Protein backbone atom coordinates (compact mmCIF):
# COMPACT_ATOMS: atom_id res chain seq x y z
CA UNK A 1 19.96 49.82 -29.15
CA UNK A 2 23.15 51.69 -28.38
CA UNK A 3 24.50 55.15 -29.12
CA UNK A 4 26.95 57.72 -27.77
CA UNK A 5 25.79 60.75 -25.80
CA UNK A 6 27.64 64.06 -26.05
CA UNK A 7 26.88 67.77 -25.38
CA UNK A 8 24.69 69.64 -27.86
CA UNK A 9 25.88 73.06 -28.99
CA UNK A 10 28.04 75.59 -27.17
CA UNK A 11 25.73 78.61 -26.84
CA UNK A 12 22.09 79.60 -26.79
CA UNK A 13 19.02 78.08 -25.16
CA UNK A 14 19.87 74.51 -26.24
CA UNK A 15 23.32 74.50 -24.64
CA UNK A 16 22.12 72.24 -21.78
CA UNK A 17 20.80 69.55 -24.12
CA UNK A 18 22.60 66.36 -25.10
CA UNK A 19 22.84 64.49 -28.42
CA UNK A 20 22.49 60.74 -28.83
CA UNK A 21 24.65 59.77 -31.84
CA UNK A 22 25.15 56.52 -33.69
CA UNK A 23 21.61 55.14 -33.61
CA UNK A 24 21.10 53.09 -36.78
CA UNK A 25 18.67 54.71 -39.23
CA UNK A 26 16.33 51.69 -39.23
CA UNK A 27 15.87 51.93 -35.42
CA UNK A 28 13.69 54.78 -34.20
CA UNK A 29 13.69 56.13 -30.65
CA UNK A 30 10.25 57.52 -29.71
CA UNK A 31 9.99 60.93 -28.04
CA UNK A 32 9.80 60.48 -24.27
CA UNK A 33 12.10 57.44 -24.16
CA UNK A 34 14.44 57.46 -21.16
CA UNK A 35 18.11 56.86 -22.02
CA UNK A 36 20.23 54.85 -19.53
CA UNK A 37 23.93 54.00 -19.25
CA UNK A 38 24.75 50.62 -20.77
CA UNK A 39 27.53 49.56 -18.42
CA UNK A 40 29.79 48.78 -21.40
CA UNK A 41 33.34 50.04 -21.05
CA UNK A 42 33.45 49.55 -17.28
CA UNK A 43 33.31 53.28 -16.41
CA UNK A 44 29.67 53.67 -15.33
CA UNK A 45 27.37 50.91 -14.06
CA UNK A 46 24.41 49.91 -16.22
CA UNK A 47 21.05 51.59 -15.58
CA UNK A 48 21.89 55.19 -14.57
CA UNK A 49 19.36 57.55 -16.23
CA UNK A 50 21.01 60.03 -18.60
CA UNK A 51 17.94 61.83 -19.90
CA UNK A 52 14.79 61.77 -22.03
CA UNK A 53 14.56 61.93 -25.84
CA UNK A 54 12.81 65.12 -26.97
CA UNK A 55 13.15 64.74 -30.75
CA UNK A 56 15.31 64.06 -33.80
CA UNK A 57 18.29 66.39 -34.21
CA UNK A 58 19.38 65.12 -37.61
CA UNK A 59 19.97 62.24 -39.99
CA UNK A 60 23.13 61.15 -41.78
CA UNK A 61 22.12 60.17 -45.33
CA UNK A 62 20.09 57.13 -44.28
CA UNK A 63 22.86 55.65 -42.11
CA UNK A 64 22.12 56.96 -38.63
CA UNK A 65 19.95 59.35 -36.64
CA UNK A 66 20.94 61.82 -33.95
CA UNK A 67 18.45 62.54 -31.17
CA UNK A 68 18.16 65.48 -28.78
CA UNK A 69 18.08 64.43 -25.12
CA UNK A 70 16.99 66.50 -22.12
CA UNK A 71 19.37 65.59 -19.25
CA UNK A 72 17.88 63.80 -16.24
CA UNK A 73 19.66 66.35 -14.04
CA UNK A 74 20.49 69.94 -15.02
CA UNK A 75 24.32 70.16 -14.82
CA UNK A 76 24.17 73.51 -12.98
CA UNK A 77 22.00 71.96 -10.25
CA UNK A 78 24.54 69.27 -9.30
CA UNK A 79 26.54 69.75 -6.13
CA UNK A 80 27.27 66.12 -5.18
CA UNK A 81 27.16 62.84 -7.08
CA UNK A 82 26.94 59.35 -5.63
CA UNK A 83 27.20 56.33 -7.92
CA UNK A 84 25.45 53.22 -6.63
CA UNK A 85 26.80 49.89 -7.75
CA UNK A 86 24.96 46.61 -7.81
CA UNK A 87 25.92 43.65 -5.65
CA UNK A 88 26.37 41.49 -8.76
CA UNK A 89 28.74 42.56 -11.55
CA UNK A 90 26.76 43.61 -14.62
CA UNK A 91 23.45 43.90 -12.74
CA UNK A 92 21.02 46.65 -13.68
CA UNK A 93 20.56 49.41 -11.06
CA UNK A 94 17.56 51.16 -12.66
CA UNK A 95 15.48 50.20 -9.61
CA UNK A 96 17.53 52.63 -7.50
CA UNK A 97 16.05 55.56 -9.43
CA UNK A 98 12.35 56.07 -8.76
CA UNK A 99 10.46 56.97 -11.94
CA UNK A 100 7.91 59.09 -10.08
CA UNK A 101 10.33 61.08 -7.92
CA UNK A 102 9.87 64.86 -7.75
CA UNK A 103 12.76 67.10 -8.80
CA UNK A 104 13.81 69.57 -6.04
């Protein structure tokens, strides 16, 4: 499934969360699901972790759901970013991000 991720709120304790918009109402995203970039649009390669779903933020009259996402990396903790690209165009690079890695 696909959706669009954007910042959640502008003040308070939830300011560092993200929102996943545009998920069809009939498709549910379980809490704990990791969200990855899709590679569509040609800006970011497919498979970069964005964050983890922590719950439903809202519903739009039976058309779509919005989910709250905890970012994979706290924006204030970032000093450098390196984007890895796959050898093959369109290849998935999820393997470059270890699921059991410890956060510093």
